[in-house]
């Protein structure tokens, strides 16, 4: 039995686009580069050949990795889930830091989609784990490396 890995609709689309690019553009380009390098003769001392083979190995590995992730993905579209104000996977949550009085907005997403600079938090991150199951208006104390930060959940949106 495979473990299902939660993924947002955008995360799945991003992986499918990368897979399409690798299969239809990158793979043929590398195969052509290997073919061209073979025509240059002695393969033992042919740097272009070895570089192309290494790149081919990387591309094939990435294709397998993406296909594996997609086959284990459980795509969750929060737009199809009623907004109850509760923090669940895929929602966008606006938080108010009670200490610094700053607002931050995060989308809770799958591990592969996480990008803190883009406001995407991995569902397994300490902040996301502390928020899951809480509701709008709740104050959540989150342990971070520098101590404990208290956030008030201002809004939970299904975007």
C-alpha atoms as a PDB file:
ATOM      1  CA  UNK A   1       0.000   0.000   0.000  1.00  0.00           C
ATOM      2  CA  UNK A   2       1.455   3.352  -1.035  1.00  0.00           C
ATOM      3  CA  UNK A   3       1.353   6.281   1.304  1.00  0.00           C
ATOM      4  CA  UNK A   4      -0.641   9.121  -0.204  1.00  0.00           C
ATOM      5  CA  UNK A   5       1.117  12.481  -0.135  1.00  0.00           C
ATOM      6  CA  UNK A   6      -1.073  15.605  -0.008  1.00  0.00           C
ATOM      7  CA  UNK A   7      -0.518  18.088  -2.838  1.00  0.00           C
ATOM      8  CA  UNK A   8      -2.318  21.227  -3.970  1.00  0.00           C
ATOM      9  CA  UNK A   9      -3.772  21.597  -7.466  1.00  0.00           C
ATOM     10  CA  UNK A  10      -1.029  24.140  -8.305  1.00  0.00           C
ATOM     11  CA  UNK A  11       1.662  21.797  -6.997  1.00  0.00           C
ATOM     12  CA  UNK A  12       0.426  18.969  -9.210  1.00  0.00           C
ATOM     13  CA  UNK A  13       0.250  21.267 -12.262  1.00  0.00           C
ATOM     14  CA  UNK A  14       3.792  22.484 -11.620  1.00  0.00           C
ATOM     15  CA  UNK A  15       5.151  18.920 -11.452  1.00  0.00           C
ATOM     16  CA  UNK A  16       3.229  17.883 -14.587  1.00  0.00           C
ATOM     17  CA  UNK A  17       4.655  20.899 -16.474  1.00  0.00           C
ATOM     18  CA  UNK A  18       8.195  20.055 -15.383  1.00  0.00           C
ATOM     19  CA  UNK A  19       7.673  16.418 -16.413  1.00  0.00           C
ATOM     20  CA  UNK A  20       6.373  17.484 -19.840  1.00  0.00           C
ATOM     21  CA  UNK A  21       9.389  19.811 -20.306  1.00  0.00           C
ATOM     22  CA  UNK A  22      11.836  17.051 -19.341  1.00  0.00           C
ATOM     23  CA  UNK A  23      10.240  14.452 -21.621  1.00  0.00           C
ATOM     24  CA  UNK A  24       9.529  16.605 -24.681  1.00  0.00           C
ATOM     25  CA  UNK A  25      12.453  19.079 -24.630  1.00  0.00           C
ATOM     26  CA  UNK A  26      15.325  18.109 -22.329  1.00  0.00           C
ATOM     27  CA  UNK A  27      15.435  14.340 -22.998  1.00  0.00           C
ATOM     28  CA  UNK A  28      15.493  14.697 -26.833  1.00  0.00           C
ATOM     29  CA  UNK A  29      18.115  17.462 -26.592  1.00  0.00           C
ATOM     30  CA  UNK A  30      20.441  15.292 -24.489  1.00  0.00           C
ATOM     31  CA  UNK A  31      19.919  12.264 -26.727  1.00  0.00           C
ATOM     32  CA  UNK A  32      20.930  14.424 -29.696  1.00  0.00           C
ATOM     33  CA  UNK A  33      23.994  15.698 -27.792  1.00  0.00           C
ATOM     34  CA  UNK A  34      25.055  12.105 -27.032  1.00  0.00           C
ATOM     35  CA  UNK A  35      24.582  11.181 -30.682  1.00  0.00           C
ATOM     36  CA  UNK A  36      26.642  14.190 -31.821  1.00  0.00           C
ATOM     37  CA  UNK A  37      29.401  13.399 -29.306  1.00  0.00           C
ATOM     38  CA  UNK A  38      29.579   9.758 -30.481  1.00  0.00           C
ATOM     39  CA  UNK A  39      30.365  10.989 -33.961  1.00  0.00           C
ATOM     40  CA  UNK A  40      33.516  12.669 -32.616  1.00  0.00           C
ATOM     41  CA  UNK A  41      35.221   9.303 -32.172  1.00  0.00           C
ATOM     42  CA  UNK A  42      37.012   7.945 -29.095  1.00  0.00           C
ATOM     43  CA  UNK A  43      34.440   7.957 -26.283  1.00  0.00           C
ATOM     44  CA  UNK A  44      36.976   7.453 -23.464  1.00  0.00           C
ATOM     45  CA  UNK A  45      38.450  10.909 -23.943  1.00  0.00           C
ATOM     46  CA  UNK A  46      35.318  12.666 -25.171  1.00  0.00           C
ATOM     47  CA  UNK A  47      34.266  15.227 -22.535  1.00  0.00           C
ATOM     48  CA  UNK A  48      31.083  16.233 -24.403  1.00  0.00           C
ATOM     49  CA  UNK A  49      29.954  12.603 -24.451  1.00  0.00           C
ATOM     50  CA  UNK A  50      30.548  12.129 -20.720  1.00  0.00           C
ATOM     51  CA  UNK A  51      28.846  15.443 -19.850  1.00  0.00           C
ATOM     52  CA  UNK A  52      25.818  14.546 -21.998  1.00  0.00           C
ATOM     53  CA  UNK A  53      25.600  11.060 -20.429  1.00  0.00           C
ATOM     54  CA  UNK A  54      25.735  12.592 -16.948  1.00  0.00           C
ATOM     55  CA  UNK A  55      22.999  15.065 -17.871  1.00  0.00           C
ATOM     56  CA  UNK A  56      20.919  12.228 -19.317  1.00  0.00           C
ATOM     57  CA  UNK A  57      21.281  10.318 -16.055  1.00  0.00           C
ATOM     58  CA  UNK A  58      20.129  13.372 -14.087  1.00  0.00           C
ATOM     59  CA  UNK A  59      17.106  13.938 -16.384  1.00  0.00           C
ATOM     60  CA  UNK A  60      16.026  10.283 -16.242  1.00  0.00           C
ATOM     61  CA  UNK A  61      16.359  10.325 -12.446  1.00  0.00           C
ATOM     62  CA  UNK A  62      14.256  13.482 -12.178  1.00  0.00           C
ATOM     63  CA  UNK A  63      11.591  12.022 -14.520  1.00  0.00           C
ATOM     64  CA  UNK A  64      11.344   8.921 -12.298  1.00  0.00           C
ATOM     65  CA  UNK A  65      11.204  11.075  -9.158  1.00  0.00           C
ATOM     66  CA  UNK A  66       8.366  13.251 -10.538  1.00  0.00           C
ATOM     67  CA  UNK A  67       6.398  10.239 -11.823  1.00  0.00           C
ATOM     68  CA  UNK A  68       6.744   8.613  -8.407  1.00  0.00           C
ATOM     69  CA  UNK A  69       5.561  11.772  -6.615  1.00  0.00           C
ATOM     70  CA  UNK A  70       2.591  12.155  -8.953  1.00  0.00           C
ATOM     71  CA  UNK A  71       1.570   8.515  -8.523  1.00  0.00           C
ATOM     72  CA  UNK A  72       1.585   8.916  -4.722  1.00  0.00           C
ATOM     73  CA  UNK A  73      -0.084  12.347  -4.764  1.00  0.00           C
ATOM     74  CA  UNK A  74      -3.461  12.968  -3.230  1.00  0.00           C
ATOM     75  CA  UNK A  75      -4.478  16.208  -4.907  1.00  0.00           C
ATOM     76  CA  UNK A  76      -6.585  18.349  -2.616  1.00  0.00           C
ATOM     77  CA  UNK A  77      -8.549  21.242  -4.096  1.00  0.00           C
ATOM     78  CA  UNK A  78      -9.651  23.475  -1.209  1.00  0.00           C
ATOM     79  CA  UNK A  79     -12.086  25.246  -3.525  1.00  0.00           C
ATOM     80  CA  UNK A  80     -14.235  22.102  -3.327  1.00  0.00           C
ATOM     81  CA  UNK A  81     -14.212  22.105   0.489  1.00  0.00           C
ATOM     82  CA  UNK A  82     -16.567  24.289   2.527  1.00  0.00           C
ATOM     83  CA  UNK A  83     -14.727  27.071   4.363  1.00  0.00           C
ATOM     84  CA  UNK A  84     -15.491  26.586   8.055  1.00  0.00           C
ATOM     85  CA  UNK A  85     -12.766  28.971   9.225  1.00  0.00           C
ATOM     86  CA  UNK A  86     -10.677  25.982  10.290  1.00  0.00           C
ATOM     87  CA  UNK A  87      -7.043  25.601   9.169  1.00  0.00           C
ATOM     88  CA  UNK A  88      -6.688  22.537   6.909  1.00  0.00           C
ATOM     89  CA  UNK A  89      -4.290  21.465   4.170  1.00  0.00           C
ATOM     90  CA  UNK A  90      -4.298  23.817   1.172  1.00  0.00           C
ATOM     91  CA  UNK A  91      -5.815  26.885   2.842  1.00  0.00           C
ATOM     92  CA  UNK A  92      -4.253  30.324   2.836  1.00  0.00           C
ATOM     93  CA  UNK A  93      -4.038  31.680   6.360  1.00  0.00           C
ATOM     94  CA  UNK A  94      -3.413  35.281   7.383  1.00  0.00           C
ATOM     95  CA  UNK A  95      -1.633  35.541  10.740  1.00  0.00           C
ATOM     96  CA  UNK A  96      -1.017  38.469  13.036  1.00  0.00           C
ATOM     97  CA  UNK A  97       2.201  38.298  15.058  1.00  0.00           C
ATOM     98  CA  UNK A  98       1.237  39.516  18.529  1.00  0.00           C
ATOM     99  CA  UNK A  99       4.839  40.471  19.413  1.00  0.00           C
ATOM    100  CA  UNK A 100       5.919  42.368  16.295  1.00  0.00           C
ATOM    101  CA  UNK A 101       2.392  43.394  15.196  1.00  0.00           C
ATOM    102  CA  UNK A 102       3.233  42.191  11.667  1.00  0.00           C
ATOM    103  CA  UNK A 103       0.907  40.339   9.365  1.00  0.00           C
ATOM    104  CA  UNK A 104       2.040  37.297   7.410  1.00  0.00           C
ATOM    105  CA  UNK A 105       0.162  35.152   4.926  1.00  0.00           C
ATOM    106  CA  UNK A 106       0.961  31.493   4.241  1.00  0.00           C
ATOM    107  CA  UNK A 107      -0.548  28.765   2.127  1.00  0.00           C
ATOM    108  CA  UNK A 108      -0.251  25.326   3.703  1.00  0.00           C
ATOM    109  CA  UNK A 109       0.929  22.953   0.990  1.00  0.00           C
ATOM    110  CA  UNK A 110       2.813  19.729   0.318  1.00  0.00           C
ATOM    111  CA  UNK A 111       6.494  19.298   1.114  1.00  0.00           C
ATOM    112  CA  UNK A 112       7.581  19.533  -2.543  1.00  0.00           C
ATOM    113  CA  UNK A 113       5.717  22.812  -3.023  1.00  0.00           C
ATOM    114  CA  UNK A 114       7.048  24.565   0.086  1.00  0.00           C
ATOM    115  CA  UNK A 115       8.759  27.897  -0.577  1.00  0.00           C
ATOM    116  CA  UNK A 116       8.860  30.208   2.420  1.00  0.00           C
ATOM    117  CA  UNK A 117       9.789  33.239   0.257  1.00  0.00           C
ATOM    118  CA  UNK A 118       6.642  32.645  -1.813  1.00  0.00           C
ATOM    119  CA  UNK A 119       4.527  32.224   1.332  1.00  0.00           C
ATOM    120  CA  UNK A 120       4.123  28.462   0.921  1.00  0.00           C
ATOM    121  CA  UNK A 121       4.561  26.438   4.113  1.00  0.00           C
ATOM    122  CA  UNK A 122       5.095  22.687   4.144  1.00  0.00           C
ATOM    123  CA  UNK A 123       2.287  20.880   5.942  1.00  0.00           C
ATOM    124  CA  UNK A 124       4.992  19.162   8.027  1.00  0.00           C
ATOM    125  CA  UNK A 125       6.658  22.425   9.147  1.00  0.00           C
ATOM    126  CA  UNK A 126       6.369  23.372  12.831  1.00  0.00           C
ATOM    127  CA  UNK A 127       4.232  26.442  12.029  1.00  0.00           C
ATOM    128  CA  UNK A 128       1.792  24.506   9.824  1.00  0.00           C
ATOM    129  CA  UNK A 129       1.545  21.637  12.318  1.00  0.00           C
ATOM    130  CA  UNK A 130       0.678  24.124  15.067  1.00  0.00           C
ATOM    131  CA  UNK A 131      -1.984  25.796  12.891  1.00  0.00           C
ATOM    132  CA  UNK A 132      -3.772  22.698  11.527  1.00  0.00           C
ATOM    133  CA  UNK A 133      -7.123  22.241  13.229  1.00  0.00           C
ATOM    134  CA  UNK A 134      -7.206  25.746  14.715  1.00  0.00           C
ATOM    135  CA  UNK A 135      -9.806  28.337  13.682  1.00  0.00           C
ATOM    136  CA  UNK A 136     -10.066  32.032  12.822  1.00  0.00           C
ATOM    137  CA  UNK A 137      -9.628  34.125  15.950  1.00  0.00           C
ATOM    138  CA  UNK A 138      -7.517  31.512  17.764  1.00  0.00           C
ATOM    139  CA  UNK A 139      -4.167  32.538  19.242  1.00  0.00           C
ATOM    140  CA  UNK A 140      -1.486  29.948  18.554  1.00  0.00           C
ATOM    141  CA  UNK A 141       1.886  29.761  20.324  1.00  0.00           C
ATOM    142  CA  UNK A 142       4.468  28.344  17.937  1.00  0.00           C
ATOM    143  CA  UNK A 143       7.895  27.182  19.040  1.00  0.00           C
ATOM    144  CA  UNK A 144      10.579  28.416  16.665  1.00  0.00           C
ATOM    145  CA  UNK A 145      14.381  28.260  17.006  1.00  0.00           C
ATOM    146  CA  UNK A 146      14.460  31.736  18.582  1.00  0.00           C
ATOM    147  CA  UNK A 147      11.772  30.916  21.174  1.00  0.00           C
ATOM    148  CA  UNK A 148       7.976  31.019  21.096  1.00  0.00           C
ATOM    149  CA  UNK A 149       5.975  33.272  18.795  1.00  0.00           C
ATOM    150  CA  UNK A 150       2.280  33.960  19.281  1.00  0.00           C
ATOM    151  CA  UNK A 151       0.101  34.418  16.217  1.00  0.00           C
ATOM    152  CA  UNK A 152      -3.576  35.235  15.989  1.00  0.00           C
ATOM    153  CA  UNK A 153      -5.294  33.551  13.054  1.00  0.00           C
ATOM    154  CA  UNK A 154      -7.033  36.454  11.305  1.00  0.00           C
ATOM    155  CA  UNK A 155      -8.475  34.752   8.229  1.00  0.00           C
ATOM    156  CA  UNK A 156      -8.598  31.310   6.646  1.00  0.00           C
ATOM    157  CA  UNK A 157      -9.201  31.424   2.908  1.00  0.00           C
ATOM    158  CA  UNK A 158      -9.852  28.717   0.341  1.00  0.00           C
ATOM    159  CA  UNK A 159      -8.058  30.179  -2.688  1.00  0.00           C
END
